[in-house]
Amino acid sequence: MPGMTAWVGLVLLGEPKAGEQVFVSSAAGGVGLIVGQLAKIRGCRVVGSVGTDQKAKMVKEEFGFDDVFNYNSEPDWDATLARYFPKGIDIYFDNVGGKMLESVLNHINMNARIPVCGMISQYYE
């Protein structure tokens, strides 16, 4: 099921093109890992966010993301996204919603796509 979710969200809704900038929240999750790989196959630059340094290492070294950041270590997400996406974000695959989505909107490019897969940040509010 994660593969189909990733495929529909990224490929059918996001329509990635070579050279585009893709950001994946919850990149170490089942869907996020597949989204990153599908985007890389299509020639995109992929950055993910995760909750631990161990996950960051795994996502980058084992799953081929270009860059990854630990959102707990880098709490100023606006500054972090500006550093990783100086030219803006073309596709944001959203698995978390909330404040991460709010930060992303400050860096989203014209004609960008935001496939929304989850809103885990809102589940307990």
N, C-alpha and C. Protein backbone atom coordinates (compact mmCIF):
# COMPACT_ATOMS: atom_id res chain seq x y z
N MET A 1 0.80 -1.20 0.00
CA MET A 1 0.00 0.00 0.00
C MET A 1 0.85 1.28 0.00
N PRO A 2 1.97 1.32 0.75
CA PRO A 2 2.78 2.55 0.70
C PRO A 2 3.29 2.86 -0.70
N GLY A 3 3.60 1.83 -1.48
CA GLY A 3 4.09 2.05 -2.84
C GLY A 3 3.04 2.68 -3.73
N MET A 4 1.82 2.20 -3.64
CA MET A 4 0.73 2.77 -4.44
C MET A 4 0.44 4.21 -4.01
N THR A 5 0.45 4.44 -2.70
CA THR A 5 0.22 5.79 -2.18
C THR A 5 1.29 6.75 -2.69
N ALA A 6 2.54 6.32 -2.63
CA ALA A 6 3.65 7.15 -3.10
C ALA A 6 3.53 7.41 -4.60
N TRP A 7 3.23 6.37 -5.36
CA TRP A 7 3.12 6.49 -6.82
C TRP A 7 2.01 7.47 -7.22
N VAL A 8 0.83 7.28 -6.67
CA VAL A 8 -0.28 8.16 -7.03
C VAL A 8 0.01 9.60 -6.61
N GLY A 9 0.49 9.77 -5.38
CA GLY A 9 0.75 11.11 -4.88
C GLY A 9 1.83 11.84 -5.65
N LEU A 10 2.96 11.17 -5.85
CA LEU A 10 4.07 11.85 -6.52
C LEU A 10 3.92 11.86 -8.03
N VAL A 11 3.77 10.69 -8.61
CA VAL A 11 3.80 10.59 -10.08
C VAL A 11 2.54 11.14 -10.73
N LEU A 12 1.37 10.74 -10.24
CA LEU A 12 0.14 11.18 -10.88
C LEU A 12 -0.27 12.59 -10.48
N LEU A 13 -0.12 12.93 -9.21
CA LEU A 13 -0.52 14.27 -8.77
C LEU A 13 0.62 15.28 -8.82
N GLY A 14 1.81 14.87 -8.39
CA GLY A 14 2.95 15.78 -8.37
C GLY A 14 3.59 16.01 -9.72
N GLU A 15 3.50 15.03 -10.60
CA GLU A 15 4.07 15.10 -11.95
C GLU A 15 5.49 15.66 -11.96
N PRO A 16 6.43 14.97 -11.30
CA PRO A 16 7.81 15.48 -11.22
C PRO A 16 8.52 15.50 -12.57
N LYS A 17 9.33 16.53 -12.75
CA LYS A 17 10.14 16.67 -13.96
C LYS A 17 11.60 16.76 -13.55
N ALA A 18 12.47 16.27 -14.41
CA ALA A 18 13.91 16.29 -14.13
C ALA A 18 14.35 17.70 -13.76
N GLY A 19 15.17 17.79 -12.73
CA GLY A 19 15.71 19.07 -12.28
C GLY A 19 14.87 19.78 -11.23
N GLU A 20 13.66 19.28 -10.97
CA GLU A 20 12.82 19.95 -9.97
C GLU A 20 13.30 19.65 -8.56
N GLN A 21 12.92 20.53 -7.65
CA GLN A 21 13.28 20.45 -6.24
C GLN A 21 12.12 19.84 -5.47
N VAL A 22 12.37 18.70 -4.82
CA VAL A 22 11.31 17.97 -4.12
C VAL A 22 11.65 17.90 -2.63
N PHE A 23 10.67 18.22 -1.80
CA PHE A 23 10.82 18.10 -0.35
C PHE A 23 9.81 17.09 0.15
N VAL A 24 10.28 16.13 0.97
CA VAL A 24 9.43 15.07 1.52
C VAL A 24 9.49 15.14 3.04
N SER A 25 8.37 15.40 3.69
CA SER A 25 8.33 15.34 5.15
C SER A 25 8.10 13.89 5.56
N SER A 26 8.51 13.55 6.77
CA SER A 26 8.43 12.17 7.26
C SER A 26 9.09 11.23 6.25
N ALA A 27 10.28 11.61 5.84
CA ALA A 27 10.98 10.91 4.77
C ALA A 27 11.40 9.49 5.13
N ALA A 28 11.47 9.15 6.41
CA ALA A 28 11.88 7.80 6.81
C ALA A 28 10.70 6.85 6.93
N GLY A 29 9.49 7.33 6.71
CA GLY A 29 8.31 6.48 6.75
C GLY A 29 8.18 5.66 5.47
N GLY A 30 7.29 4.71 5.49
CA GLY A 30 7.10 3.83 4.33
C GLY A 30 6.80 4.57 3.05
N VAL A 31 5.90 5.53 3.10
CA VAL A 31 5.56 6.30 1.90
C VAL A 31 6.69 7.26 1.54
N GLY A 32 7.23 7.96 2.52
CA GLY A 32 8.28 8.95 2.26
C GLY A 32 9.51 8.37 1.59
N LEU A 33 9.93 7.18 2.04
CA LEU A 33 11.11 6.55 1.42
C LEU A 33 10.87 6.26 -0.06
N ILE A 34 9.69 5.78 -0.38
CA ILE A 34 9.38 5.45 -1.77
C ILE A 34 9.24 6.72 -2.60
N VAL A 35 8.61 7.74 -2.05
CA VAL A 35 8.47 9.01 -2.77
C VAL A 35 9.85 9.54 -3.16
N GLY A 36 10.78 9.53 -2.21
CA GLY A 36 12.13 10.02 -2.50
C GLY A 36 12.80 9.26 -3.62
N GLN A 37 12.66 7.95 -3.62
CA GLN A 37 13.28 7.14 -4.67
C GLN A 37 12.62 7.37 -6.02
N LEU A 38 11.30 7.48 -6.03
CA LEU A 38 10.61 7.76 -7.30
C LEU A 38 11.03 9.12 -7.86
N ALA A 39 11.18 10.10 -6.99
CA ALA A 39 11.61 11.44 -7.45
C ALA A 39 13.03 11.40 -7.98
N LYS A 40 13.92 10.65 -7.32
CA LYS A 40 15.31 10.52 -7.79
C LYS A 40 15.34 9.85 -9.17
N ILE A 41 14.55 8.81 -9.35
CA ILE A 41 14.49 8.12 -10.64
C ILE A 41 14.10 9.09 -11.75
N ARG A 42 13.27 10.07 -11.43
CA ARG A 42 12.82 11.05 -12.42
C ARG A 42 13.75 12.25 -12.53
N GLY A 43 14.91 12.19 -11.88
CA GLY A 43 15.92 13.23 -12.04
C GLY A 43 15.75 14.45 -11.17
N CYS A 44 14.98 14.33 -10.10
CA CYS A 44 14.77 15.46 -9.20
C CYS A 44 15.82 15.49 -8.10
N ARG A 45 16.00 16.66 -7.52
CA ARG A 45 16.80 16.81 -6.30
C ARG A 45 15.84 16.64 -5.14
N VAL A 46 16.18 15.74 -4.20
CA VAL A 46 15.25 15.38 -3.13
C VAL A 46 15.85 15.65 -1.75
N VAL A 47 15.10 16.36 -0.93
CA VAL A 47 15.47 16.63 0.46
C VAL A 47 14.34 16.11 1.33
N GLY A 48 14.70 15.46 2.43
CA GLY A 48 13.69 14.95 3.35
C GLY A 48 13.87 15.47 4.75
N SER A 49 12.80 15.43 5.53
CA SER A 49 12.89 15.75 6.96
C SER A 49 12.54 14.50 7.75
N VAL A 50 13.27 14.30 8.85
CA VAL A 50 13.08 13.14 9.73
C VAL A 50 13.24 13.60 11.18
N GLY A 51 12.93 12.70 12.13
CA GLY A 51 12.96 13.08 13.53
C GLY A 51 14.18 12.69 14.33
N THR A 52 15.11 11.92 13.73
CA THR A 52 16.33 11.53 14.45
C THR A 52 17.52 11.56 13.51
N ASP A 53 18.71 11.69 14.10
CA ASP A 53 19.93 11.66 13.29
C ASP A 53 20.14 10.29 12.66
N GLN A 54 19.75 9.24 13.36
CA GLN A 54 19.88 7.88 12.82
C GLN A 54 19.03 7.72 11.56
N LYS A 55 17.82 8.23 11.59
CA LYS A 55 16.96 8.17 10.41
C LYS A 55 17.53 9.02 9.28
N ALA A 56 18.09 10.17 9.62
CA ALA A 56 18.68 11.04 8.59
C ALA A 56 19.81 10.32 7.87
N LYS A 57 20.65 9.65 8.62
CA LYS A 57 21.76 8.90 8.02
C LYS A 57 21.24 7.80 7.11
N MET A 58 20.24 7.05 7.57
CA MET A 58 19.67 5.97 6.78
C MET A 58 19.06 6.49 5.48
N VAL A 59 18.26 7.55 5.59
CA VAL A 59 17.57 8.08 4.41
C VAL A 59 18.56 8.56 3.35
N LYS A 60 19.62 9.19 3.79
CA LYS A 60 20.61 9.71 2.84
C LYS A 60 21.51 8.60 2.30
N GLU A 61 22.06 7.78 3.18
CA GLU A 61 23.06 6.79 2.76
C GLU A 61 22.44 5.54 2.13
N GLU A 62 21.32 5.08 2.63
CA GLU A 62 20.74 3.84 2.13
C GLU A 62 19.65 4.04 1.08
N PHE A 63 19.00 5.20 1.11
CA PHE A 63 17.88 5.42 0.19
C PHE A 63 18.12 6.54 -0.81
N GLY A 64 19.31 7.16 -0.77
CA GLY A 64 19.74 8.04 -1.85
C GLY A 64 19.17 9.44 -1.90
N PHE A 65 18.58 9.94 -0.82
CA PHE A 65 18.13 11.33 -0.82
C PHE A 65 19.36 12.23 -0.94
N ASP A 66 19.21 13.37 -1.59
CA ASP A 66 20.34 14.29 -1.74
C ASP A 66 20.72 14.93 -0.41
N ASP A 67 19.72 15.32 0.36
CA ASP A 67 19.95 15.91 1.67
C ASP A 67 18.80 15.53 2.59
N VAL A 68 19.09 15.56 3.89
CA VAL A 68 18.08 15.24 4.90
C VAL A 68 18.37 16.10 6.12
N PHE A 69 17.33 16.55 6.80
CA PHE A 69 17.55 17.24 8.07
C PHE A 69 16.64 16.69 9.15
N ASN A 70 17.16 16.76 10.38
CA ASN A 70 16.43 16.34 11.57
C ASN A 70 15.66 17.55 12.07
N TYR A 71 14.35 17.51 11.98
CA TYR A 71 13.54 18.67 12.37
C TYR A 71 13.60 18.96 13.87
N ASN A 72 14.04 18.00 14.68
CA ASN A 72 14.21 18.25 16.11
C ASN A 72 15.51 19.00 16.40
N SER A 73 16.54 18.76 15.59
CA SER A 73 17.83 19.44 15.76
C SER A 73 17.84 20.82 15.13
N GLU A 74 16.97 21.02 14.15
CA GLU A 74 16.91 22.29 13.42
C GLU A 74 15.49 22.84 13.53
N PRO A 75 15.16 23.41 14.68
CA PRO A 75 13.77 23.85 14.91
C PRO A 75 13.33 25.08 14.12
N ASP A 76 14.28 25.85 13.56
CA ASP A 76 13.90 26.99 12.72
C ASP A 76 13.74 26.48 11.29
N TRP A 77 12.59 25.89 11.03
CA TRP A 77 12.36 25.23 9.74
C TRP A 77 12.40 26.21 8.59
N ASP A 78 11.98 27.43 8.80
CA ASP A 78 12.02 28.42 7.73
C ASP A 78 13.45 28.65 7.26
N ALA A 79 14.37 28.83 8.20
CA ALA A 79 15.79 29.02 7.85
C ALA A 79 16.38 27.76 7.24
N THR A 80 15.98 26.61 7.76
CA THR A 80 16.49 25.34 7.23
C THR A 80 16.05 25.15 5.79
N LEU A 81 14.78 25.40 5.51
CA LEU A 81 14.29 25.26 4.14
C LEU A 81 14.94 26.26 3.20
N ALA A 82 15.20 27.47 3.68
CA ALA A 82 15.88 28.47 2.85
C ALA A 82 17.28 27.99 2.48
N ARG A 83 17.94 27.31 3.41
CA ARG A 83 19.29 26.79 3.16
C ARG A 83 19.26 25.64 2.14
N TYR A 84 18.32 24.73 2.28
CA TYR A 84 18.27 23.58 1.38
C TYR A 84 17.61 23.89 0.04
N PHE A 85 16.77 24.92 0.00
CA PHE A 85 16.05 25.25 -1.23
C PHE A 85 16.20 26.74 -1.57
N PRO A 86 17.41 27.18 -1.91
CA PRO A 86 17.59 28.60 -2.24
C PRO A 86 16.79 29.04 -3.47
N LYS A 87 16.43 28.09 -4.34
CA LYS A 87 15.63 28.41 -5.53
C LYS A 87 14.17 28.02 -5.35
N GLY A 88 13.79 27.62 -4.15
CA GLY A 88 12.40 27.27 -3.87
C GLY A 88 12.10 25.80 -4.06
N ILE A 89 10.88 25.44 -3.69
CA ILE A 89 10.41 24.05 -3.72
C ILE A 89 9.39 23.91 -4.84
N ASP A 90 9.58 22.89 -5.68
CA ASP A 90 8.64 22.63 -6.78
C ASP A 90 7.56 21.63 -6.39
N ILE A 91 7.94 20.63 -5.59
CA ILE A 91 6.97 19.64 -5.10
C ILE A 91 7.22 19.43 -3.61
N TYR A 92 6.18 19.57 -2.83
CA TYR A 92 6.25 19.23 -1.41
C TYR A 92 5.31 18.06 -1.18
N PHE A 93 5.86 16.89 -0.89
CA PHE A 93 5.04 15.72 -0.57
C PHE A 93 4.80 15.77 0.93
N ASP A 94 3.59 16.15 1.31
CA ASP A 94 3.27 16.44 2.71
C ASP A 94 2.70 15.24 3.44
N ASN A 95 3.47 14.77 4.42
CA ASN A 95 3.01 13.68 5.28
C ASN A 95 2.68 14.15 6.69
N VAL A 96 2.92 15.43 7.01
CA VAL A 96 2.76 15.87 8.39
C VAL A 96 1.85 17.08 8.60
N GLY A 97 1.74 17.97 7.65
CA GLY A 97 0.90 19.16 7.81
C GLY A 97 1.42 20.12 8.85
N GLY A 98 0.54 20.89 9.45
CA GLY A 98 0.86 21.78 10.56
C GLY A 98 1.92 22.81 10.27
N LYS A 99 2.82 22.99 11.25
CA LYS A 99 3.84 24.03 11.15
C LYS A 99 4.84 23.77 10.03
N MET A 100 5.09 22.50 9.71
CA MET A 100 6.00 22.22 8.60
C MET A 100 5.39 22.73 7.30
N LEU A 101 4.12 22.47 7.09
CA LEU A 101 3.44 22.98 5.89
C LEU A 101 3.48 24.50 5.86
N GLU A 102 3.24 25.14 6.98
CA GLU A 102 3.30 26.60 7.04
C GLU A 102 4.67 27.12 6.64
N SER A 103 5.73 26.46 7.09
CA SER A 103 7.10 26.87 6.73
C SER A 103 7.35 26.65 5.24
N VAL A 104 6.90 25.53 4.71
CA VAL A 104 7.10 25.22 3.29
C VAL A 104 6.44 26.29 2.41
N LEU A 105 5.27 26.75 2.80
CA LEU A 105 4.56 27.72 1.96
C LEU A 105 5.35 29.01 1.75
N ASN A 106 6.29 29.30 2.65
CA ASN A 106 7.17 30.47 2.47
C ASN A 106 8.22 30.25 1.39
N HIS A 107 8.38 29.01 0.93
CA HIS A 107 9.45 28.69 -0.03
C HIS A 107 8.92 27.99 -1.29
N ILE A 108 7.64 27.97 -1.45
CA ILE A 108 7.04 27.24 -2.57
C ILE A 108 7.13 28.08 -3.85
N ASN A 109 7.46 27.45 -4.94
CA ASN A 109 7.57 28.13 -6.23
C ASN A 109 6.21 28.27 -6.91
N MET A 110 6.13 29.19 -7.85
CA MET A 110 4.94 29.33 -8.68
C MET A 110 4.72 28.01 -9.43
N ASN A 111 3.50 27.58 -9.52
CA ASN A 111 3.10 26.33 -10.19
C ASN A 111 3.62 25.08 -9.49
N ALA A 112 3.98 25.21 -8.22
CA ALA A 112 4.40 24.04 -7.44
C ALA A 112 3.20 23.15 -7.16
N ARG A 113 3.49 21.92 -6.79
CA ARG A 113 2.45 20.96 -6.44
C ARG A 113 2.68 20.47 -5.01
N ILE A 114 1.57 20.26 -4.28
CA ILE A 114 1.66 19.77 -2.90
C ILE A 114 0.71 18.59 -2.73
N PRO A 115 1.16 17.38 -3.07
CA PRO A 115 0.34 16.21 -2.76
C PRO A 115 0.28 16.03 -1.24
N VAL A 116 -0.92 15.98 -0.69
CA VAL A 116 -1.09 15.83 0.75
C VAL A 116 -1.43 14.38 1.05
N CYS A 117 -0.55 13.74 1.81
CA CYS A 117 -0.73 12.33 2.15
C CYS A 117 -1.19 12.16 3.59
N GLY A 118 -0.74 13.04 4.49
CA GLY A 118 -1.10 12.90 5.89
C GLY A 118 -0.98 14.21 6.64
N MET A 119 -1.55 14.22 7.82
CA MET A 119 -1.52 15.40 8.70
C MET A 119 -1.24 14.95 10.13
N ILE A 120 -0.23 14.11 10.30
CA ILE A 120 0.06 13.53 11.61
C ILE A 120 0.25 14.58 12.69
N SER A 121 0.75 15.75 12.33
CA SER A 121 0.97 16.80 13.34
C SER A 121 -0.34 17.29 13.95
N GLN A 122 -1.45 17.03 13.29
CA GLN A 122 -2.75 17.51 13.76
C GLN A 122 -3.57 16.44 14.49
N TYR A 123 -3.09 15.21 14.54
CA TYR A 123 -3.90 14.12 15.08
C TYR A 123 -4.28 14.29 16.54
N TYR A 124 -3.40 14.89 17.33
CA TYR A 124 -3.66 14.97 18.76
C TYR A 124 -3.98 16.38 19.24
N GLU A 125 -4.27 17.26 18.33
CA GLU A 125 -4.60 18.64 18.72
C GLU A 125 -6.09 18.82 18.83
